[in-house]
Amino acid sequence: MSRPGRDDSPDRLYTLTGGRSRSAPDAPFDLVTLIVAESGPVPGMQSEHAAILRLCHLPTAMVEIAAELGLPVSITRILLSDLLDAGRISARHPRAAVDHSLPDPDILEQVLVGLRNL
């Protein structure tokens, strides 16, 4: 039984990335980074780039994109960097969407008192 992405010839992966083995050092991608397409595929676009844009009409984790394409995460990261540089996707970490402000301590105390009175 083979694992996805492991049967790809090195030549194909080399061609997909234009010979690059790493994404830009400032690329914001980790496994759970959410990717959203900012535009649709255009004629003449690399098929993997077009597939990513079709997959990401809703926020999609980078690891899900890699699994769906059957590509190693490192190759997917490079392809996503290309799209980010071109302005075709946006990327954010899921924790960035969470509001980290704490509720008012007085309200929490009132809730605690109410629970104790039950």
PDB file of N, CA and C in Angstrom:
ATOM      1  N   MET A   1       0.850  -1.177   0.000  1.00  0.00           N
ATOM      2  CA  MET A   1       0.000   0.000   0.000  1.00  0.00           C
ATOM      3  C   MET A   1       0.890   1.231   0.000  1.00  0.00           C
ATOM      4  N   SER A   2       0.639   2.133  -0.904  1.00  0.00           N
ATOM      5  CA  SER A   2       1.456   3.338  -0.975  1.00  0.00           C
ATOM      6  C   SER A   2       0.713   4.514  -0.366  1.00  0.00           C
ATOM      7  N   ARG A   3       1.470   5.482   0.086  1.00  0.00           N
ATOM      8  CA  ARG A   3       0.888   6.678   0.672  1.00  0.00           C
ATOM      9  C   ARG A   3       0.705   7.736  -0.404  1.00  0.00           C
ATOM     10  N   PRO A   4      -0.320   8.602  -0.247  1.00  0.00           N
ATOM     11  CA  PRO A   4      -0.535   9.652  -1.237  1.00  0.00           C
ATOM     12  C   PRO A   4       0.698  10.536  -1.367  1.00  0.00           C
ATOM     13  N   GLY A   5       1.016  10.877  -2.596  1.00  0.00           N
ATOM     14  CA  GLY A   5       2.135  11.769  -2.851  1.00  0.00           C
ATOM     15  C   GLY A   5       3.475  11.082  -2.890  1.00  0.00           C
ATOM     16  N   ARG A   6       3.537   9.837  -2.456  1.00  0.00           N
ATOM     17  CA  ARG A   6       4.821   9.136  -2.406  1.00  0.00           C
ATOM     18  C   ARG A   6       5.164   8.480  -3.737  1.00  0.00           C
ATOM     19  N   ASP A   7       4.173   8.278  -4.595  1.00  0.00           N
ATOM     20  CA  ASP A   7       4.423   7.650  -5.885  1.00  0.00           C
ATOM     21  C   ASP A   7       4.754   8.670  -6.973  1.00  0.00           C
ATOM     22  N   ASP A   8       4.625   9.960  -6.630  1.00  0.00           N
ATOM     23  CA  ASP A   8       4.940  10.994  -7.606  1.00  0.00           C
ATOM     24  C   ASP A   8       6.419  10.944  -7.934  1.00  0.00           C
ATOM     25  N   SER A   9       6.710  11.030  -9.219  1.00  0.00           N
ATOM     26  CA  SER A   9       8.111  11.020  -9.603  1.00  0.00           C
ATOM     27  C   SER A   9       8.741  12.336  -9.174  1.00  0.00           C
ATOM     28  N   PRO A  10      10.012  12.300  -8.791  1.00  0.00           N
ATOM     29  CA  PRO A  10      10.698  13.544  -8.410  1.00  0.00           C
ATOM     30  C   PRO A  10      10.690  14.564  -9.547  1.00  0.00           C
ATOM     31  N   ASP A  11      10.707  14.083 -10.789  1.00  0.00           N
ATOM     32  CA  ASP A  11      10.675  15.007 -11.928  1.00  0.00           C
ATOM     33  C   ASP A  11       9.381  15.812 -11.947  1.00  0.00           C
ATOM     34  N   ARG A  12       8.267  15.155 -11.666  1.00  0.00           N
ATOM     35  CA  ARG A  12       6.977  15.850 -11.664  1.00  0.00           C
ATOM     36  C   ARG A  12       6.943  16.899 -10.565  1.00  0.00           C
ATOM     37  N   LEU A  13       7.387  16.545  -9.372  1.00  0.00           N
ATOM     38  CA  LEU A  13       7.378  17.497  -8.267  1.00  0.00           C
ATOM     39  C   LEU A  13       8.321  18.664  -8.550  1.00  0.00           C
ATOM     40  N   TYR A  14       9.449  18.387  -9.164  1.00  0.00           N
ATOM     41  CA  TYR A  14      10.403  19.426  -9.537  1.00  0.00           C
ATOM     42  C   TYR A  14       9.755  20.386 -10.530  1.00  0.00           C
ATOM     43  N   THR A  15       9.009  19.848 -11.461  1.00  0.00           N
ATOM     44  CA  THR A  15       8.344  20.662 -12.469  1.00  0.00           C
ATOM     45  C   THR A  15       7.233  21.507 -11.849  1.00  0.00           C
ATOM     46  N   LEU A  16       6.474  20.928 -10.926  1.00  0.00           N
ATOM     47  CA  LEU A  16       5.376  21.660 -10.279  1.00  0.00           C
ATOM     48  C   LEU A  16       5.868  22.912  -9.575  1.00  0.00           C
ATOM     49  N   THR A  17       7.035  22.829  -8.962  1.00  0.00           N
ATOM     50  CA  THR A  17       7.535  23.939  -8.158  1.00  0.00           C
ATOM     51  C   THR A  17       8.552  24.796  -8.892  1.00  0.00           C
ATOM     52  N   GLY A  18       8.820  24.490 -10.141  1.00  0.00           N
ATOM     53  CA  GLY A  18       9.820  25.249 -10.878  1.00  0.00           C
ATOM     54  C   GLY A  18      11.213  25.041 -10.322  1.00  0.00           C
ATOM     55  N   GLY A  19      11.447  23.890  -9.725  1.00  0.00           N
ATOM     56  CA  GLY A  19      12.762  23.560  -9.188  1.00  0.00           C
ATOM     57  C   GLY A  19      12.999  24.024  -7.760  1.00  0.00           C
ATOM     58  N   ARG A  20      12.030  24.711  -7.181  1.00  0.00           N
ATOM     59  CA  ARG A  20      12.209  25.190  -5.802  1.00  0.00           C
ATOM     60  C   ARG A  20      11.937  24.065  -4.813  1.00  0.00           C
ATOM     61  N   SER A  21      12.704  24.053  -3.747  1.00  0.00           N
ATOM     62  CA  SER A  21      12.499  23.021  -2.730  1.00  0.00           C
ATOM     63  C   SER A  21      11.931  23.603  -1.445  1.00  0.00           C
ATOM     64  N   ARG A  22      11.834  24.924  -1.369  1.00  0.00           N
ATOM     65  CA  ARG A  22      11.287  25.569  -0.172  1.00  0.00           C
ATOM     66  C   ARG A  22      10.458  26.773  -0.569  1.00  0.00           C
ATOM     67  N   SER A  23       9.477  27.067   0.276  1.00  0.00           N
ATOM     68  CA  SER A  23       8.690  28.276   0.053  1.00  0.00           C
ATOM     69  C   SER A  23       9.460  29.469   0.614  1.00  0.00           C
ATOM     70  N   ALA A  24       8.944  30.636   0.389  1.00  0.00           N
ATOM     71  CA  ALA A  24       9.589  31.844   0.904  1.00  0.00           C
ATOM     72  C   ALA A  24       9.709  31.754   2.421  1.00  0.00           C
ATOM     73  N   PRO A  25      10.809  32.273   2.987  1.00  0.00           N
ATOM     74  CA  PRO A  25      11.005  32.149   4.437  1.00  0.00           C
ATOM     75  C   PRO A  25       9.907  32.836   5.253  1.00  0.00           C
ATOM     76  N   ASP A  26       9.255  33.836   4.690  1.00  0.00           N
ATOM     77  CA  ASP A  26       8.212  34.533   5.425  1.00  0.00           C
ATOM     78  C   ASP A  26       6.809  34.008   5.105  1.00  0.00           C
ATOM     79  N   ALA A  27       6.727  32.870   4.438  1.00  0.00           N
ATOM     80  CA  ALA A  27       5.425  32.285   4.096  1.00  0.00           C
ATOM     81  C   ALA A  27       4.674  31.926   5.380  1.00  0.00           C
ATOM     82  N   PRO A  28       3.401  32.341   5.486  1.00  0.00           N
ATOM     83  CA  PRO A  28       2.662  32.180   6.733  1.00  0.00           C
ATOM     84  C   PRO A  28       1.966  30.827   6.886  1.00  0.00           C
ATOM     85  N   PHE A  29       2.445  29.800   6.208  1.00  0.00           N
ATOM     86  CA  PHE A  29       1.700  28.549   6.166  1.00  0.00           C
ATOM     87  C   PHE A  29       2.214  27.521   7.170  1.00  0.00           C
ATOM     88  N   ASP A  30       1.299  27.022   7.992  1.00  0.00           N
ATOM     89  CA  ASP A  30       1.550  25.799   8.738  1.00  0.00           C
ATOM     90  C   ASP A  30       0.379  24.869   8.408  1.00  0.00           C
ATOM     91  N   LEU A  31       0.301  23.736   9.035  1.00  0.00           N
ATOM     92  CA  LEU A  31      -0.685  22.735   8.631  1.00  0.00           C
ATOM     93  C   LEU A  31      -2.133  23.186   8.763  1.00  0.00           C
ATOM     94  N   VAL A  32      -2.421  24.054   9.723  1.00  0.00           N
ATOM     95  CA  VAL A  32      -3.811  24.452   9.957  1.00  0.00           C
ATOM     96  C   VAL A  32      -4.137  25.845   9.426  1.00  0.00           C
ATOM     97  N   THR A  33      -3.216  26.475   8.726  1.00  0.00           N
ATOM     98  CA  THR A  33      -3.487  27.781   8.142  1.00  0.00           C
ATOM     99  C   THR A  33      -4.685  27.672   7.200  1.00  0.00           C
ATOM    100  N   LEU A  34      -5.624  28.583   7.354  1.00  0.00           N
ATOM    101  CA  LEU A  34      -6.815  28.578   6.502  1.00  0.00           C
ATOM    102  C   LEU A  34      -6.558  29.410   5.258  1.00  0.00           C
ATOM    103  N   ILE A  35      -6.878  28.831   4.114  1.00  0.00           N
ATOM    104  CA  ILE A  35      -6.658  29.460   2.822  1.00  0.00           C
ATOM    105  C   ILE A  35      -8.018  29.763   2.207  1.00  0.00           C
ATOM    106  N   VAL A  36      -8.161  30.974   1.650  1.00  0.00           N
ATOM    107  CA  VAL A  36      -9.386  31.368   0.969  1.00  0.00           C
ATOM    108  C   VAL A  36      -9.000  31.949  -0.383  1.00  0.00           C
ATOM    109  N   ALA A  37      -9.669  31.479  -1.430  1.00  0.00           N
ATOM    110  CA  ALA A  37      -9.410  31.997  -2.776  1.00  0.00           C
ATOM    111  C   ALA A  37      -9.961  33.415  -2.885  1.00  0.00           C
ATOM    112  N   GLU A  38      -9.166  34.296  -3.454  1.00  0.00           N
ATOM    113  CA  GLU A  38      -9.588  35.678  -3.690  1.00  0.00           C
ATOM    114  C   GLU A  38     -10.039  35.880  -5.135  1.00  0.00           C
ATOM    115  N   SER A  39      -9.786  34.885  -5.975  1.00  0.00           N
ATOM    116  CA  SER A  39     -10.201  34.938  -7.376  1.00  0.00           C
ATOM    117  C   SER A  39     -10.345  33.512  -7.884  1.00  0.00           C
ATOM    118  N   GLY A  40     -10.932  33.378  -9.031  1.00  0.00           N
ATOM    119  CA  GLY A  40     -11.089  32.066  -9.644  1.00  0.00           C
ATOM    120  C   GLY A  40      -9.923  31.749 -10.563  1.00  0.00           C
ATOM    121  N   PRO A  41      -9.841  30.517 -11.021  1.00  0.00           N
ATOM    122  CA  PRO A  41      -8.778  30.144 -11.961  1.00  0.00           C
ATOM    123  C   PRO A  41      -8.936  30.907 -13.278  1.00  0.00           C
ATOM    124  N   VAL A  42      -7.813  31.119 -13.938  1.00  0.00           N
ATOM    125  CA  VAL A  42      -7.816  31.790 -15.244  1.00  0.00           C
ATOM    126  C   VAL A  42      -7.212  30.843 -16.277  1.00  0.00           C
ATOM    127  N   PRO A  43      -7.590  31.000 -17.536  1.00  0.00           N
ATOM    128  CA  PRO A  43      -7.018  30.148 -18.584  1.00  0.00           C
ATOM    129  C   PRO A  43      -5.495  30.261 -18.617  1.00  0.00           C
ATOM    130  N   GLY A  44      -4.840  29.138 -18.820  1.00  0.00           N
ATOM    131  CA  GLY A  44      -3.385  29.096 -18.891  1.00  0.00           C
ATOM    132  C   GLY A  44      -2.697  28.925 -17.555  1.00  0.00           C
ATOM    133  N   MET A  45      -3.470  28.914 -16.478  1.00  0.00           N
ATOM    134  CA  MET A  45      -2.901  28.763 -15.138  1.00  0.00           C
ATOM    135  C   MET A  45      -2.474  27.311 -14.926  1.00  0.00           C
ATOM    136  N   GLN A  46      -1.414  27.110 -14.170  1.00  0.00           N
ATOM    137  CA  GLN A  46      -0.966  25.764 -13.815  1.00  0.00           C
ATOM    138  C   GLN A  46      -2.137  25.004 -13.187  1.00  0.00           C
ATOM    139  N   SER A  47      -2.328  23.760 -13.581  1.00  0.00           N
ATOM    140  CA  SER A  47      -3.515  23.010 -13.152  1.00  0.00           C
ATOM    141  C   SER A  47      -3.609  22.865 -11.635  1.00  0.00           C
ATOM    142  N   GLU A  48      -2.486  22.722 -10.960  1.00  0.00           N
ATOM    143  CA  GLU A  48      -2.511  22.599  -9.495  1.00  0.00           C
ATOM    144  C   GLU A  48      -2.947  23.911  -8.851  1.00  0.00           C
ATOM    145  N   HIS A  49      -2.492  25.032  -9.400  1.00  0.00           N
ATOM    146  CA  HIS A  49      -2.932  26.331  -8.882  1.00  0.00           C
ATOM    147  C   HIS A  49      -4.432  26.494  -9.069  1.00  0.00           C
ATOM    148  N   ALA A  50      -4.935  26.116 -10.229  1.00  0.00           N
ATOM    149  CA  ALA A  50      -6.368  26.205 -10.504  1.00  0.00           C
ATOM    150  C   ALA A  50      -7.154  25.304  -9.551  1.00  0.00           C
ATOM    151  N   ALA A  51      -6.647  24.111  -9.297  1.00  0.00           N
ATOM    152  CA  ALA A  51      -7.322  23.181  -8.385  1.00  0.00           C
ATOM    153  C   ALA A  51      -7.384  23.763  -6.972  1.00  0.00           C
ATOM    154  N   ILE A  52      -6.305  24.418  -6.539  1.00  0.00           N
ATOM    155  CA  ILE A  52      -6.289  25.032  -5.211  1.00  0.00           C
ATOM    156  C   ILE A  52      -7.354  26.127  -5.134  1.00  0.00           C
ATOM    157  N   LEU A  53      -7.430  26.951  -6.148  1.00  0.00           N
ATOM    158  CA  LEU A  53      -8.427  28.027  -6.135  1.00  0.00           C
ATOM    159  C   LEU A  53      -9.849  27.475  -6.107  1.00  0.00           C
ATOM    160  N   ARG A  54     -10.089  26.376  -6.811  1.00  0.00           N
ATOM    161  CA  ARG A  54     -11.427  25.762  -6.785  1.00  0.00           C
ATOM    162  C   ARG A  54     -11.730  25.162  -5.411  1.00  0.00           C
ATOM    163  N   LEU A  55     -10.717  24.576  -4.774  1.00  0.00           N
ATOM    164  CA  LEU A  55     -10.919  23.971  -3.453  1.00  0.00           C
ATOM    165  C   LEU A  55     -11.182  25.010  -2.368  1.00  0.00           C
ATOM    166  N   CYS A  56     -10.656  26.198  -2.547  1.00  0.00           N
ATOM    167  CA  CYS A  56     -10.641  27.178  -1.464  1.00  0.00           C
ATOM    168  C   CYS A  56     -11.701  28.258  -1.602  1.00  0.00           C
ATOM    169  N   HIS A  57     -12.837  27.940  -2.215  1.00  0.00           N
ATOM    170  CA  HIS A  57     -13.903  28.939  -2.265  1.00  0.00           C
ATOM    171  C   HIS A  57     -14.426  29.216  -0.861  1.00  0.00           C
ATOM    172  N   LEU A  58     -14.268  28.264   0.056  1.00  0.00           N
ATOM    173  CA  LEU A  58     -14.510  28.434   1.495  1.00  0.00           C
ATOM    174  C   LEU A  58     -13.184  28.225   2.203  1.00  0.00           C
ATOM    175  N   PRO A  59     -12.998  28.752   3.418  1.00  0.00           N
ATOM    176  CA  PRO A  59     -11.723  28.542   4.120  1.00  0.00           C
ATOM    177  C   PRO A  59     -11.383  27.056   4.230  1.00  0.00           C
ATOM    178  N   THR A  60     -10.167  26.720   3.809  1.00  0.00           N
ATOM    179  CA  THR A  60      -9.711  25.337   3.794  1.00  0.00           C
ATOM    180  C   THR A  60      -8.311  25.274   4.383  1.00  0.00           C
ATOM    181  N   ALA A  61      -8.076  24.311   5.273  1.00  0.00           N
ATOM    182  CA  ALA A  61      -6.756  24.165   5.901  1.00  0.00           C
ATOM    183  C   ALA A  61      -5.733  23.680   4.877  1.00  0.00           C
ATOM    184  N   MET A  62      -4.508  24.152   5.054  1.00  0.00           N
ATOM    185  CA  MET A  62      -3.451  23.781   4.117  1.00  0.00           C
ATOM    186  C   MET A  62      -3.283  22.264   4.032  1.00  0.00           C
ATOM    187  N   VAL A  63      -3.381  21.577   5.139  1.00  0.00           N
ATOM    188  CA  VAL A  63      -3.202  20.129   5.133  1.00  0.00           C
ATOM    189  C   VAL A  63      -4.322  19.440   4.347  1.00  0.00           C
ATOM    190  N   GLU A  64      -5.527  20.013   4.369  1.00  0.00           N
ATOM    191  CA  GLU A  64      -6.628  19.456   3.579  1.00  0.00           C
ATOM    192  C   GLU A  64      -6.371  19.625   2.085  1.00  0.00           C
ATOM    193  N   ILE A  65      -5.801  20.755   1.727  1.00  0.00           N
ATOM    194  CA  ILE A  65      -5.482  21.007   0.317  1.00  0.00           C
ATOM    195  C   ILE A  65      -4.452  19.994  -0.161  1.00  0.00           C
ATOM    196  N   ALA A  66      -3.406  19.775   0.644  1.00  0.00           N
ATOM    197  CA  ALA A  66      -2.368  18.815   0.282  1.00  0.00           C
ATOM    198  C   ALA A  66      -2.963  17.418   0.118  1.00  0.00           C
ATOM    199  N   ALA A  67      -3.838  17.030   1.035  1.00  0.00           N
ATOM    200  CA  ALA A  67      -4.457  15.708   0.962  1.00  0.00           C
ATOM    201  C   ALA A  67      -5.340  15.585  -0.270  1.00  0.00           C
ATOM    202  N   GLU A  68      -6.111  16.612  -0.552  1.00  0.00           N
ATOM    203  CA  GLU A  68      -7.019  16.580  -1.701  1.00  0.00           C
ATOM    204  C   GLU A  68      -6.247  16.496  -3.017  1.00  0.00           C
ATOM    205  N   LEU A  69      -5.128  17.208  -3.102  1.00  0.00           N
ATOM    206  CA  LEU A  69      -4.311  17.188  -4.316  1.00  0.00           C
ATOM    207  C   LEU A  69      -3.409  15.957  -4.391  1.00  0.00           C
ATOM    208  N   GLY A  70      -3.242  15.269  -3.266  1.00  0.00           N
ATOM    209  CA  GLY A  70      -2.350  14.108  -3.236  1.00  0.00           C
ATOM    210  C   GLY A  70      -0.888  14.504  -3.360  1.00  0.00           C
ATOM    211  N   LEU A  71      -0.554  15.680  -2.829  1.00  0.00           N
ATOM    212  CA  LEU A  71       0.817  16.187  -2.909  1.00  0.00           C
ATOM    213  C   LEU A  71       1.416  16.295  -1.514  1.00  0.00           C
ATOM    214  N   PRO A  72       2.739  16.204  -1.416  1.00  0.00           N
ATOM    215  CA  PRO A  72       3.376  16.425  -0.117  1.00  0.00           C
ATOM    216  C   PRO A  72       3.101  17.849   0.378  1.00  0.00           C
ATOM    217  N   VAL A  73       3.069  18.022   1.681  1.00  0.00           N
ATOM    218  CA  VAL A  73       2.807  19.331   2.281  1.00  0.00           C
ATOM    219  C   VAL A  73       3.843  20.348   1.819  1.00  0.00           C
ATOM    220  N   SER A  74       5.093  19.946   1.699  1.00  0.00           N
ATOM    221  CA  SER A  74       6.143  20.889   1.295  1.00  0.00           C
ATOM    222  C   SER A  74       5.890  21.441  -0.109  1.00  0.00           C
ATOM    223  N   ILE A  75       5.416  20.612  -1.009  1.00  0.00           N
ATOM    224  CA  ILE A  75       5.113  21.052  -2.373  1.00  0.00           C
ATOM    225  C   ILE A  75       3.880  21.959  -2.367  1.00  0.00           C
ATOM    226  N   THR A  76       2.882  21.586  -1.586  1.00  0.00           N
ATOM    227  CA  THR A  76       1.672  22.400  -1.475  1.00  0.00           C
ATOM    228  C   THR A  76       2.006  23.774  -0.921  1.00  0.00           C
ATOM    229  N   ARG A  77       2.892  23.831   0.057  1.00  0.00           N
ATOM    230  CA  ARG A  77       3.302  25.108   0.647  1.00  0.00           C
ATOM    231  C   ARG A  77       3.926  26.024  -0.419  1.00  0.00           C
ATOM    232  N   ILE A  78       4.726  25.463  -1.301  1.00  0.00           N
ATOM    233  CA  ILE A  78       5.344  26.253  -2.376  1.00  0.00           C
ATOM    234  C   ILE A  78       4.285  26.769  -3.339  1.00  0.00           C
ATOM    235  N   LEU A  79       3.336  25.909  -3.715  1.00  0.00           N
ATOM    236  CA  LEU A  79       2.262  26.329  -4.618  1.00  0.00           C
ATOM    237  C   LEU A  79       1.405  27.428  -3.991  1.00  0.00           C
ATOM    238  N   LEU A  80       1.128  27.298  -2.695  1.00  0.00           N
ATOM    239  CA  LEU A  80       0.353  28.321  -2.002  1.00  0.00           C
ATOM    240  C   LEU A  80       1.118  29.640  -1.932  1.00  0.00           C
ATOM    241  N   SER A  81       2.428  29.569  -1.748  1.00  0.00           N
ATOM    242  CA  SER A  81       3.252  30.790  -1.737  1.00  0.00           C
ATOM    243  C   SER A  81       3.137  31.522  -3.067  1.00  0.00           C
ATOM    244  N   ASP A  82       3.147  30.756  -4.161  1.00  0.00           N
ATOM    245  CA  ASP A  82       2.988  31.369  -5.489  1.00  0.00           C
ATOM    246  C   ASP A  82       1.669  32.129  -5.577  1.00  0.00           C
ATOM    247  N   LEU A  83       0.594  31.481  -5.122  1.00  0.00           N
ATOM    248  CA  LEU A  83      -0.728  32.100  -5.203  1.00  0.00           C
ATOM    249  C   LEU A  83      -0.851  33.301  -4.267  1.00  0.00           C
ATOM    250  N   LEU A  84      -0.238  33.220  -3.104  1.00  0.00           N
ATOM    251  CA  LEU A  84      -0.265  34.343  -2.166  1.00  0.00           C
ATOM    252  C   LEU A  84       0.485  35.537  -2.742  1.00  0.00           C
ATOM    253  N   ASP A  85       1.642  35.282  -3.329  1.00  0.00           N
ATOM    254  CA  ASP A  85       2.423  36.357  -3.949  1.00  0.00           C
ATOM    255  C   ASP A  85       1.662  37.019  -5.094  1.00  0.00           C
ATOM    256  N   ALA A  86       0.844  36.236  -5.803  1.00  0.00           N
ATOM    257  CA  ALA A  86       0.065  36.770  -6.919  1.00  0.00           C
ATOM    258  C   ALA A  86      -1.238  37.435  -6.453  1.00  0.00           C
ATOM    259  N   GLY A  87      -1.536  37.360  -5.152  1.00  0.00           N
ATOM    260  CA  GLY A  87      -2.757  37.960  -4.628  1.00  0.00           C
ATOM    261  C   GLY A  87      -4.009  37.165  -4.918  1.00  0.00           C
ATOM    262  N   ARG A  88      -3.852  35.890  -5.253  1.00  0.00           N
ATOM    263  CA  ARG A  88      -5.014  35.059  -5.609  1.00  0.00           C
ATOM    264  C   ARG A  88      -5.624  34.342  -4.408  1.00  0.00           C
ATOM    265  N   ILE A  89      -4.899  34.300  -3.282  1.00  0.00           N
ATOM    266  CA  ILE A  89      -5.429  33.700  -2.056  1.00  0.00           C
ATOM    267  C   ILE A  89      -5.102  34.611  -0.879  1.00  0.00           C
ATOM    268  N   SER A  90      -5.811  34.390   0.207  1.00  0.00           N
ATOM    269  CA  SER A  90      -5.431  34.995   1.479  1.00  0.00           C
ATOM    270  C   SER A  90      -5.266  33.853   2.467  1.00  0.00           C
ATOM    271  N   ALA A  91      -4.418  34.085   3.449  1.00  0.00           N
ATOM    272  CA  ALA A  91      -4.113  33.041   4.429  1.00  0.00           C
ATOM    273  C   ALA A  91      -4.192  33.635   5.830  1.00  0.00           C
ATOM    274  N   ARG A  92      -4.751  32.866   6.734  1.00  0.00           N
ATOM    275  CA  ARG A  92      -4.785  33.291   8.133  1.00  0.00           C
ATOM    276  C   ARG A  92      -4.787  32.061   9.026  1.00  0.00           C
ATOM    277  N   HIS A  93      -4.242  32.235  10.185  1.00  0.00           N
ATOM    278  CA  HIS A  93      -4.239  31.149  11.152  1.00  0.00           C
ATOM    279  C   HIS A  93      -5.596  31.152  11.845  1.00  0.00           C
ATOM    280  N   PRO A  94      -6.169  29.988  12.119  1.00  0.00           N
ATOM    281  CA  PRO A  94      -7.511  29.952  12.718  1.00  0.00           C
ATOM    282  C   PRO A  94      -7.594  30.688  14.045  1.00  0.00           C
ATOM    283  N   ARG A  95      -6.511  30.733  14.802  1.00  0.00           N
ATOM    284  CA  ARG A  95      -6.549  31.435  16.083  1.00  0.00           C
ATOM    285  C   ARG A  95      -6.667  32.941  15.906  1.00  0.00           C
ATOM    286  N   ALA A  96      -6.275  33.463  14.755  1.00  0.00           N
ATOM    287  CA  ALA A  96      -6.349  34.903  14.524  1.00  0.00           C
ATOM    288  C   ALA A  96      -7.791  35.382  14.464  1.00  0.00           C
ATOM    289  N   ALA A  97      -8.712  34.492  14.161  1.00  0.00           N
ATOM    290  CA  ALA A  97     -10.115  34.869  14.038  1.00  0.00           C
ATOM    291  C   ALA A  97     -10.827  34.902  15.387  1.00  0.00           C
ATOM    292  N   VAL A  98     -10.209  34.353  16.416  1.00  0.00           N
ATOM    293  CA  VAL A  98     -10.834  34.276  17.727  1.00  0.00           C
ATOM    294  C   VAL A  98     -10.598  35.589  18.463  1.00  0.00           C
ATOM    295  N   ASP A  99     -11.660  36.137  19.045  1.00  0.00           N
ATOM    296  CA  ASP A  99     -11.526  37.349  19.842  1.00  0.00           C
ATOM    297  C   ASP A  99     -10.988  36.959  21.210  1.00  0.00           C
ATOM    298  N   HIS A 100      -9.831  37.487  21.548  1.00  0.00           N
ATOM    299  CA  HIS A 100      -9.172  37.096  22.790  1.00  0.00           C
ATOM    300  C   HIS A 100      -9.547  37.997  23.965  1.00  0.00           C
ATOM    301  N   SER A 101     -10.487  38.911  23.777  1.00  0.00           N
ATOM    302  CA  SER A 101     -10.862  39.770  24.890  1.00  0.00           C
ATOM    303  C   SER A 101     -11.668  38.955  25.902  1.00  0.00           C
ATOM    304  N   LEU A 102     -11.404  39.240  27.154  1.00  0.00           N
ATOM    305  CA  LEU A 102     -12.089  38.522  28.233  1.00  0.00           C
ATOM    306  C   LEU A 102     -13.369  39.249  28.613  1.00  0.00           C
ATOM    307  N   PRO A 103     -14.366  38.499  29.083  1.00  0.00           N
ATOM    308  CA  PRO A 103     -15.598  39.142  29.527  1.00  0.00           C
ATOM    309  C   PRO A 103     -15.339  39.988  30.783  1.00  0.00           C
ATOM    310  N   ASP A 104     -16.240  40.890  31.022  1.00  0.00           N
ATOM    311  CA  ASP A 104     -16.151  41.768  32.184  1.00  0.00           C
ATOM    312  C   ASP A 104     -16.164  40.926  33.465  1.00  0.00           C
ATOM    313  N   PRO A 105     -15.191  41.127  34.377  1.00  0.00           N
ATOM    314  CA  PRO A 105     -15.139  40.331  35.618  1.00  0.00           C
ATOM    315  C   PRO A 105     -16.405  40.484  36.481  1.00  0.00           C
ATOM    316  N   ASP A 106     -17.045  41.655  36.441  1.00  0.00           N
ATOM    317  CA  ASP A 106     -18.269  41.848  37.233  1.00  0.00           C
ATOM    318  C   ASP A 106     -19.386  40.925  36.740  1.00  0.00           C
ATOM    319  N   ILE A 107     -19.490  40.782  35.416  1.00  0.00           N
ATOM    320  CA  ILE A 107     -20.512  39.887  34.853  1.00  0.00           C
ATOM    321  C   ILE A 107     -20.222  38.446  35.245  1.00  0.00           C
ATOM    322  N   LEU A 108     -18.948  38.050  35.185  1.00  0.00           N
ATOM    323  CA  LEU A 108     -18.584  36.688  35.578  1.00  0.00           C
ATOM    324  C   LEU A 108     -18.925  36.434  37.045  1.00  0.00           C
ATOM    325  N   GLU A 109     -18.688  37.433  37.894  1.00  0.00           N
ATOM    326  CA  GLU A 109     -19.001  37.269  39.310  1.00  0.00           C
ATOM    327  C   GLU A 109     -20.508  37.147  39.520  1.00  0.00           C
ATOM    328  N   GLN A 110     -21.295  37.938  38.795  1.00  0.00           N
ATOM    329  CA  GLN A 110     -22.750  37.850  38.904  1.00  0.00           C
ATOM    330  C   GLN A 110     -23.248  36.473  38.461  1.00  0.00           C
ATOM    331  N   VAL A 111     -22.653  35.926  37.407  1.00  0.00           N
ATOM    332  CA  VAL A 111     -23.027  34.590  36.936  1.00  0.00           C
ATOM    333  C   VAL A 111     -22.683  33.555  37.996  1.00  0.00           C
ATOM    334  N   LEU A 112     -21.493  33.679  38.593  1.00  0.00           N
ATOM    335  CA  LEU A 112     -21.080  32.740  39.636  1.00  0.00           C
ATOM    336  C   LEU A 112     -22.019  32.788  40.825  1.00  0.00           C
ATOM    337  N   VAL A 113     -22.393  33.986  41.253  1.00  0.00           N
ATOM    338  CA  VAL A 113     -23.331  34.133  42.370  1.00  0.00           C
ATOM    339  C   VAL A 113     -24.669  33.496  41.992  1.00  0.00           C
ATOM    340  N   GLY A 114     -25.136  33.748  40.770  1.00  0.00           N
ATOM    341  CA  GLY A 114     -26.400  33.152  40.328  1.00  0.00           C
ATOM    342  C   GLY A 114     -26.340  31.641  40.328  1.00  0.00           C
ATOM    343  N   LEU A 115     -25.222  31.059  39.886  1.00  0.00           N
ATOM    344  CA  LEU A 115     -25.085  29.600  39.879  1.00  0.00           C
ATOM    345  C   LEU A 115     -25.068  29.038  41.291  1.00  0.00           C
ATOM    346  N   ARG A 116     -24.415  29.729  42.186  1.00  0.00           N
ATOM    347  CA  ARG A 116     -24.373  29.256  43.586  1.00  0.00           C
ATOM    348  C   ARG A 116     -25.749  29.297  44.228  1.00  0.00           C
ATOM    349  N   ASN A 117     -26.576  30.226  43.808  1.00  0.00           N
ATOM    350  CA  ASN A 117     -27.925  30.360  44.369  1.00  0.00           C
ATOM    351  C   ASN A 117     -28.876  29.291  43.856  1.00  0.00           C
ATOM    352  N   LEU A 118     -28.490  28.580  42.817  1.00  0.00           N
ATOM    353  CA  LEU A 118     -29.388  27.544  42.282  1.00  0.00           C
ATOM    354  C   LEU A 118     -29.545  26.380  43.197  1.00  0.00           C
TER     355      LEU A 118
END
